[in-house]
Amino acid sequence: MNNSVPHIPVLLEAVLEGLAIQPAGRYVDGTFGRGGHSRAILSRLGPRGALLAMDRDPAARDAARQLAADPRFTFTRERFSHMVEAIQQHWPEGGVDGVLLDLGVSSPQLDESARGFSFQKDGPLDMRMDPDAGTPVCEWLNRADQKAIADTIYSLGEERHSRRIARAIVDARRSAPITRTAQLADLVRRAVPRSEPGRHPATRTFQALRILANDELGELKVWLETIPAVLRPGARLVVMSFHSLEDRMVKRAFQGRTDVAGSRLPRGLPVEPAVTEPPLRTVGKPVRPDPRECERNPRARSAVLRVAERNP
């Protein structure tokens, strides 16, 4: 693994403030990555506190071994959509006081060319966060029809040149399969007539294909719908997203405007207001990194952090 670029936790102080950590509380880091946020949470916990960390990336499990000696810390290699089951197995007698999700790709994932996440390094076009599950992007890209490719790049990457890019991909694969990140990045670069200043023309395409390969929006939807069931009253949820579609889902859930809040009841039913009260309420305003953090860590620039609290 290439460890030349260290992983810098994004919005670290805002994460800790949002979690409102109690020294004896129970917390979950649903996206351990390389452990930057988990280490900071452990530093705020007392001897009776506990942290359960999760990640589907096998490299995260290797990084978690550095914390194995801490009796307050437990790691499980699992996707965060299975968090409720993991919590119930780990703490069968009760819920948790706070949960963190950092939905961004970690720096080591981007920097290791063999993982296929980056358009800046040549490597196999894979993009799976769990290399033992799912389908590499290259396999899908070489069999999907042109409309499916265009629709995916448009809907998940919000790329307005999606049809041009899809046509270029289908034309190119007639000669040879698309199997490398540099190959795809060059195709996109040549297909896009004008790129946004300061942004590589392949950014949105790679983002869309990564979201597809890992079912990231589906994972988040399941988590938002299920997580309130294991939150203690007053427990905090802290979610950091790097994509407008993810942030929109989180915002709506925290405002009680998705399935997580339950069904809308017809008017006039003789029910108490508490029956329809959403389980979560938004705490504070969205937090974004300031210019100093973006300068220190350019990968933080699109981060948005939202906090919610479990209603009593």
Protein backbone atom coordinates (compact mmCIF):
# COMPACT_ATOMS: atom_id res chain seq x y z
CA MET A 1 0.00 0.00 0.00
CA ASN A 2 1.16 3.51 -0.77
CA ASN A 3 1.21 5.51 2.45
CA SER A 4 3.10 8.49 1.09
CA VAL A 5 0.15 10.84 1.63
CA PRO A 6 -1.25 10.75 5.17
CA HIS A 7 -4.97 10.58 5.78
CA ILE A 8 -6.16 13.83 7.33
CA PRO A 9 -9.54 13.64 9.11
CA VAL A 10 -11.91 16.24 7.69
CA LEU A 11 -13.73 18.69 10.00
CA LEU A 12 -12.36 16.89 13.04
CA GLU A 13 -13.34 19.46 15.67
CA ALA A 14 -16.82 19.83 14.20
CA VAL A 15 -17.25 16.04 14.30
CA LEU A 16 -16.31 15.90 17.99
CA GLU A 17 -18.52 18.87 18.86
CA GLY A 18 -21.43 17.36 16.93
CA LEU A 19 -21.15 14.01 18.72
CA ALA A 20 -21.22 15.77 22.13
CA ILE A 21 -19.20 12.86 23.52
CA GLN A 22 -20.01 11.59 27.00
CA PRO A 23 -16.99 9.96 28.68
CA ALA A 24 -18.96 6.79 29.52
CA GLY A 25 -20.98 6.73 26.29
CA ARG A 26 -21.21 4.22 23.48
CA TYR A 27 -20.28 5.39 19.98
CA VAL A 28 -20.02 4.00 16.47
CA ASP A 29 -17.68 5.10 13.70
CA GLY A 30 -19.42 3.61 10.67
CA THR A 31 -16.65 4.51 8.22
CA PHE A 32 -13.38 3.83 10.04
CA GLY A 33 -11.12 4.43 7.02
CA ARG A 34 -7.67 4.78 8.52
CA GLY A 35 -8.89 5.69 11.99
CA GLY A 36 -8.38 9.43 12.29
CA HIS A 37 -11.84 10.17 13.64
CA SER A 38 -11.89 7.02 15.79
CA ARG A 39 -8.67 7.99 17.53
CA ALA A 40 -10.08 11.42 18.32
CA ILE A 41 -13.29 9.90 19.71
CA LEU A 42 -11.29 7.51 21.91
CA SER A 43 -9.29 10.47 23.25
CA ARG A 44 -12.56 11.96 24.58
CA LEU A 45 -13.86 8.74 26.13
CA GLY A 46 -13.24 7.67 29.72
CA PRO A 47 -12.41 4.14 30.87
CA ARG A 48 -16.09 3.12 30.77
CA GLY A 49 -16.70 4.48 27.29
CA ALA A 50 -16.77 2.28 24.19
CA LEU A 51 -16.33 2.67 20.44
CA LEU A 52 -17.45 0.24 17.75
CA ALA A 53 -15.80 0.91 14.39
CA MET A 54 -16.96 -0.48 11.05
CA ASP A 55 -15.70 -0.48 7.47
CA ARG A 56 -16.05 -2.81 4.50
CA ASP A 57 -12.54 -2.07 3.21
CA PRO A 58 -10.06 -4.81 4.21
CA ALA A 59 -7.30 -2.19 4.43
CA ALA A 60 -9.31 -0.46 7.18
CA ARG A 61 -9.28 -3.71 9.17
CA ASP A 62 -5.49 -3.74 8.90
CA ALA A 63 -5.31 -0.14 10.15
CA ALA A 64 -7.67 -0.95 13.03
CA ARG A 65 -5.20 -3.49 14.41
CA GLN A 66 -3.16 -0.54 15.69
CA LEU A 67 -5.98 0.15 18.18
CA ALA A 68 -6.66 -3.47 19.11
CA ALA A 69 -4.92 -3.13 22.49
CA ASP A 70 -7.47 -0.54 23.65
CA PRO A 71 -10.23 -2.45 25.53
CA ARG A 72 -12.73 0.29 24.69
CA PHE A 73 -12.32 -0.32 20.94
CA THR A 74 -13.85 -2.98 18.70
CA PHE A 75 -13.65 -3.25 14.92
CA THR A 76 -15.86 -5.22 12.58
CA ARG A 77 -15.42 -5.47 8.82
CA GLU A 78 -18.93 -4.67 7.68
CA ARG A 79 -20.80 -2.15 5.54
CA PHE A 80 -22.61 0.57 7.48
CA SER A 81 -26.02 -0.43 6.12
CA HIS A 82 -25.68 -3.40 8.51
CA MET A 83 -24.96 -1.14 11.47
CA VAL A 84 -28.15 -1.91 13.39
CA GLU A 85 -27.37 -5.63 13.39
CA ALA A 86 -23.77 -4.96 14.43
CA ILE A 87 -24.89 -2.74 17.33
CA GLN A 88 -27.47 -5.24 18.52
CA GLN A 89 -24.88 -8.00 18.45
CA HIS A 90 -22.24 -5.92 20.25
CA TRP A 91 -24.56 -4.26 22.77
CA PRO A 92 -27.64 -6.51 23.01
CA GLU A 93 -28.82 -4.82 26.20
CA GLY A 94 -29.15 -1.28 24.81
CA GLY A 95 -28.49 1.38 22.19
CA VAL A 96 -25.79 3.95 21.47
CA ASP A 97 -25.13 7.60 22.27
CA GLY A 98 -23.68 8.69 18.94
CA VAL A 99 -22.82 7.62 15.40
CA LEU A 100 -20.44 9.09 12.84
CA LEU A 101 -20.52 8.54 9.08
CA ASP A 102 -17.80 10.03 6.87
CA LEU A 103 -19.07 9.28 3.38
CA GLY A 104 -15.94 10.38 1.57
CA VAL A 105 -13.32 8.17 -0.05
CA SER A 106 -10.24 7.99 2.15
CA SER A 107 -6.93 9.40 0.93
CA PRO A 108 -5.22 5.97 0.92
CA GLN A 109 -8.00 4.60 -1.30
CA LEU A 110 -7.40 7.41 -3.79
CA ASP A 111 -3.62 7.21 -3.55
CA GLU A 112 -3.33 3.46 -4.07
CA SER A 113 -3.52 3.09 -7.85
CA ALA A 114 -4.40 -0.61 -7.65
CA ARG A 115 -7.79 0.28 -6.13
CA GLY A 116 -8.81 2.13 -9.29
CA PHE A 117 -10.51 5.11 -7.64
CA SER A 118 -8.39 7.92 -9.06
CA PHE A 119 -8.21 9.45 -12.52
CA GLN A 120 -4.81 10.90 -11.58
CA LYS A 121 -3.05 7.53 -11.26
CA ASP A 122 -3.16 4.68 -13.75
CA GLY A 123 -4.48 1.41 -12.38
CA PRO A 124 -7.10 -1.27 -12.95
CA LEU A 125 -10.58 0.23 -13.29
CA ASP A 126 -12.10 -1.34 -10.18
CA MET A 127 -13.43 1.21 -7.61
CA ARG A 128 -14.90 -1.35 -5.19
CA MET A 129 -14.50 -0.42 -1.52
CA ASP A 130 -14.76 -4.12 -0.73
CA PRO A 131 -12.66 -5.99 -3.31
CA ASP A 132 -14.30 -9.26 -2.23
CA ALA A 133 -17.83 -8.18 -3.21
CA GLY A 134 -19.63 -6.65 -6.13
CA THR A 135 -18.52 -6.03 -9.70
CA PRO A 136 -15.49 -4.00 -10.85
CA VAL A 137 -16.44 -0.86 -12.75
CA CYS A 138 -14.64 -2.07 -15.87
CA GLU A 139 -16.90 -5.14 -16.16
CA TRP A 140 -20.06 -3.03 -16.00
CA LEU A 141 -18.66 -0.34 -18.30
CA ASN A 142 -17.80 -2.86 -21.02
CA ARG A 143 -21.24 -4.52 -21.10
CA ALA A 144 -23.73 -1.74 -20.28
CA ASP A 145 -25.57 -0.10 -23.16
CA GLN A 146 -24.94 3.51 -24.07
CA LYS A 147 -28.15 4.83 -22.49
CA ALA A 148 -27.44 3.12 -19.15
CA ILE A 149 -23.94 4.60 -19.07
CA ALA A 150 -25.20 8.09 -19.92
CA ASP A 151 -28.03 7.89 -17.38
CA THR A 152 -25.65 6.73 -14.63
CA ILE A 153 -23.09 9.45 -15.27
CA TYR A 154 -25.83 12.08 -15.41
CA SER A 155 -27.86 10.98 -12.38
CA LEU A 156 -25.03 9.97 -10.03
CA GLY A 157 -22.34 12.37 -11.25
CA GLU A 158 -24.54 15.30 -12.30
CA GLU A 159 -22.42 15.46 -15.44
CA ARG A 160 -24.09 17.52 -18.17
CA HIS A 161 -21.88 16.00 -20.89
CA SER A 162 -22.94 12.46 -19.98
CA ARG A 163 -24.23 11.58 -23.46
CA ARG A 164 -20.98 12.63 -25.13
CA ILE A 165 -18.99 10.63 -22.60
CA ALA A 166 -21.15 7.53 -22.95
CA ARG A 167 -20.88 7.66 -26.74
CA ALA A 168 -17.09 7.96 -26.50
CA ILE A 169 -16.93 4.97 -24.15
CA VAL A 170 -19.06 2.76 -26.39
CA ASP A 171 -17.09 3.79 -29.50
CA ALA A 172 -13.76 3.09 -27.78
CA ARG A 173 -14.68 -0.32 -26.40
CA ARG A 174 -15.47 -1.59 -29.90
CA SER A 175 -11.71 -1.60 -30.50
CA ALA A 176 -10.55 -2.75 -27.06
CA PRO A 177 -12.08 -3.20 -23.59
CA ILE A 178 -11.76 -0.27 -21.20
CA THR A 179 -9.81 -1.67 -18.25
CA ARG A 180 -7.57 1.13 -16.91
CA THR A 181 -8.27 4.36 -15.07
CA ALA A 182 -5.95 6.39 -17.32
CA GLN A 183 -7.73 4.98 -20.36
CA LEU A 184 -11.13 6.12 -19.10
CA ALA A 185 -9.84 9.50 -17.89
CA ASP A 186 -8.37 10.21 -21.32
CA LEU A 187 -11.62 9.22 -23.06
CA VAL A 188 -13.59 11.59 -20.86
CA ARG A 189 -11.08 14.40 -21.27
CA ARG A 190 -11.37 14.19 -25.05
CA ALA A 191 -15.17 13.90 -24.95
CA VAL A 192 -15.84 16.92 -22.73
CA PRO A 193 -15.69 20.16 -24.76
CA ARG A 194 -14.95 22.42 -21.77
CA SER A 195 -14.07 21.53 -18.21
CA GLU A 196 -14.79 23.51 -15.07
CA PRO A 197 -11.86 25.62 -13.82
CA GLY A 198 -9.85 23.76 -11.22
CA ARG A 199 -11.67 20.46 -11.80
CA HIS A 200 -10.46 17.52 -13.87
CA PRO A 201 -13.02 16.75 -16.63
CA ALA A 202 -13.26 13.12 -15.44
CA THR A 203 -14.15 14.02 -11.83
CA ARG A 204 -17.91 13.63 -12.13
CA THR A 205 -17.70 10.48 -14.27
CA PHE A 206 -15.40 8.71 -11.81
CA GLN A 207 -17.60 9.83 -8.93
CA ALA A 208 -20.73 8.42 -10.60
CA LEU A 209 -19.10 5.07 -11.39
CA ARG A 210 -17.76 4.75 -7.84
CA ILE A 211 -21.21 5.43 -6.38
CA LEU A 212 -22.68 2.81 -8.72
CA ALA A 213 -20.04 0.16 -7.97
CA ASN A 214 -20.55 0.47 -4.21
CA ASP A 215 -24.32 1.18 -4.18
CA GLU A 216 -23.50 4.17 -2.01
CA LEU A 217 -26.93 5.82 -2.17
CA GLY A 218 -28.66 2.52 -1.42
CA GLU A 219 -26.37 1.97 1.57
CA LEU A 220 -27.15 5.44 2.90
CA LYS A 221 -30.90 5.02 2.40
CA VAL A 222 -30.96 1.78 4.44
CA TRP A 223 -28.87 3.36 7.19
CA LEU A 224 -31.06 6.47 7.47
CA GLU A 225 -34.21 4.36 7.69
CA THR A 226 -32.93 1.90 10.28
CA ILE A 227 -30.50 3.73 12.58
CA PRO A 228 -33.08 5.56 14.80
CA ALA A 229 -34.13 2.19 16.27
CA VAL A 230 -30.81 1.80 18.13
CA LEU A 231 -30.32 5.39 19.29
CA ARG A 232 -30.77 6.32 22.92
CA PRO A 233 -32.82 9.49 23.60
CA GLY A 234 -30.59 12.48 22.91
CA ALA A 235 -28.09 10.43 20.89
CA ARG A 236 -26.30 12.31 18.12
CA LEU A 237 -25.85 11.44 14.44
CA VAL A 238 -23.01 13.18 12.60
CA VAL A 239 -22.84 12.69 8.84
CA MET A 240 -20.24 14.18 6.54
CA SER A 241 -21.01 13.98 2.83
CA PHE A 242 -19.07 15.04 -0.25
CA HIS A 243 -21.79 14.77 -2.88
CA SER A 244 -24.99 16.79 -3.28
CA LEU A 245 -27.19 13.69 -3.68
CA GLU A 246 -25.94 12.23 -0.39
CA ASP A 247 -26.25 15.55 1.40
CA ARG A 248 -29.82 15.97 0.15
CA MET A 249 -30.78 12.55 1.51
CA VAL A 250 -29.22 13.31 4.89
CA LYS A 251 -30.84 16.75 5.10
CA ARG A 252 -34.30 15.35 4.35
CA ALA A 253 -33.92 12.49 6.84
CA PHE A 254 -32.72 14.80 9.59
CA GLN A 255 -35.75 17.01 8.93
CA GLY A 256 -38.10 14.02 9.11
CA ARG A 257 -38.94 14.15 5.40
CA THR A 258 -38.14 10.58 4.34
CA ASP A 259 -39.34 7.07 5.22
CA VAL A 260 -37.21 7.31 8.36
CA ALA A 261 -39.94 9.55 9.81
CA GLY A 262 -42.73 7.08 9.11
CA SER A 263 -45.71 7.31 6.78
CA ARG A 264 -47.76 10.44 6.33
CA LEU A 265 -51.16 9.89 8.00
CA PRO A 266 -54.43 11.15 6.49
CA ARG A 267 -55.87 14.29 8.02
CA GLY A 268 -58.53 13.98 10.69
CA LEU A 269 -57.36 10.74 12.28
CA PRO A 270 -57.78 10.72 16.09
CA VAL A 271 -54.11 10.25 16.92
CA GLU A 272 -51.86 12.04 19.36
CA PRO A 273 -49.25 14.36 17.78
CA ALA A 274 -46.42 12.34 19.34
CA VAL A 275 -47.35 9.35 17.16
CA THR A 276 -46.23 11.17 14.03
CA GLU A 277 -43.26 12.99 15.55
CA PRO A 278 -40.11 12.18 13.54
CA PRO A 279 -37.39 10.36 15.50
CA LEU A 280 -34.70 12.91 14.61
CA ARG A 281 -34.29 16.65 14.82
CA THR A 282 -31.62 18.76 13.16
CA VAL A 283 -29.01 20.33 15.43
CA GLY A 284 -27.40 23.56 14.27
CA LYS A 285 -26.51 24.53 10.72
CA PRO A 286 -24.50 22.60 8.15
CA VAL A 287 -20.75 22.94 8.67
CA ARG A 288 -18.26 23.32 5.84
CA PRO A 289 -14.46 23.49 6.02
CA ASP A 290 -12.92 26.95 6.15
CA PRO A 291 -10.34 28.12 3.58
CA ARG A 292 -7.43 27.17 5.85
CA GLU A 293 -8.57 23.55 6.09
CA CYS A 294 -9.17 23.38 2.34
CA GLU A 295 -5.68 24.71 1.71
CA ARG A 296 -4.19 22.16 4.10
CA ASN A 297 -6.36 19.33 2.80
CA PRO A 298 -7.81 20.03 -0.69
CA ARG A 299 -9.95 16.87 -0.51
CA ALA A 300 -12.01 18.56 2.22
CA ARG A 301 -13.34 21.33 0.00
CA SER A 302 -16.68 19.68 -0.91
CA ALA A 303 -17.45 18.36 2.60
CA VAL A 304 -20.76 19.19 4.30
CA LEU A 305 -21.36 18.07 7.89
CA ARG A 306 -24.83 17.74 9.39
CA VAL A 307 -25.86 16.83 12.94
CA ALA A 308 -29.12 15.38 14.22
CA GLU A 309 -30.34 14.32 17.66
CA ARG A 310 -32.69 11.49 18.63
CA ASN A 311 -35.94 12.86 20.02
CA PRO A 312 -36.92 11.56 23.48
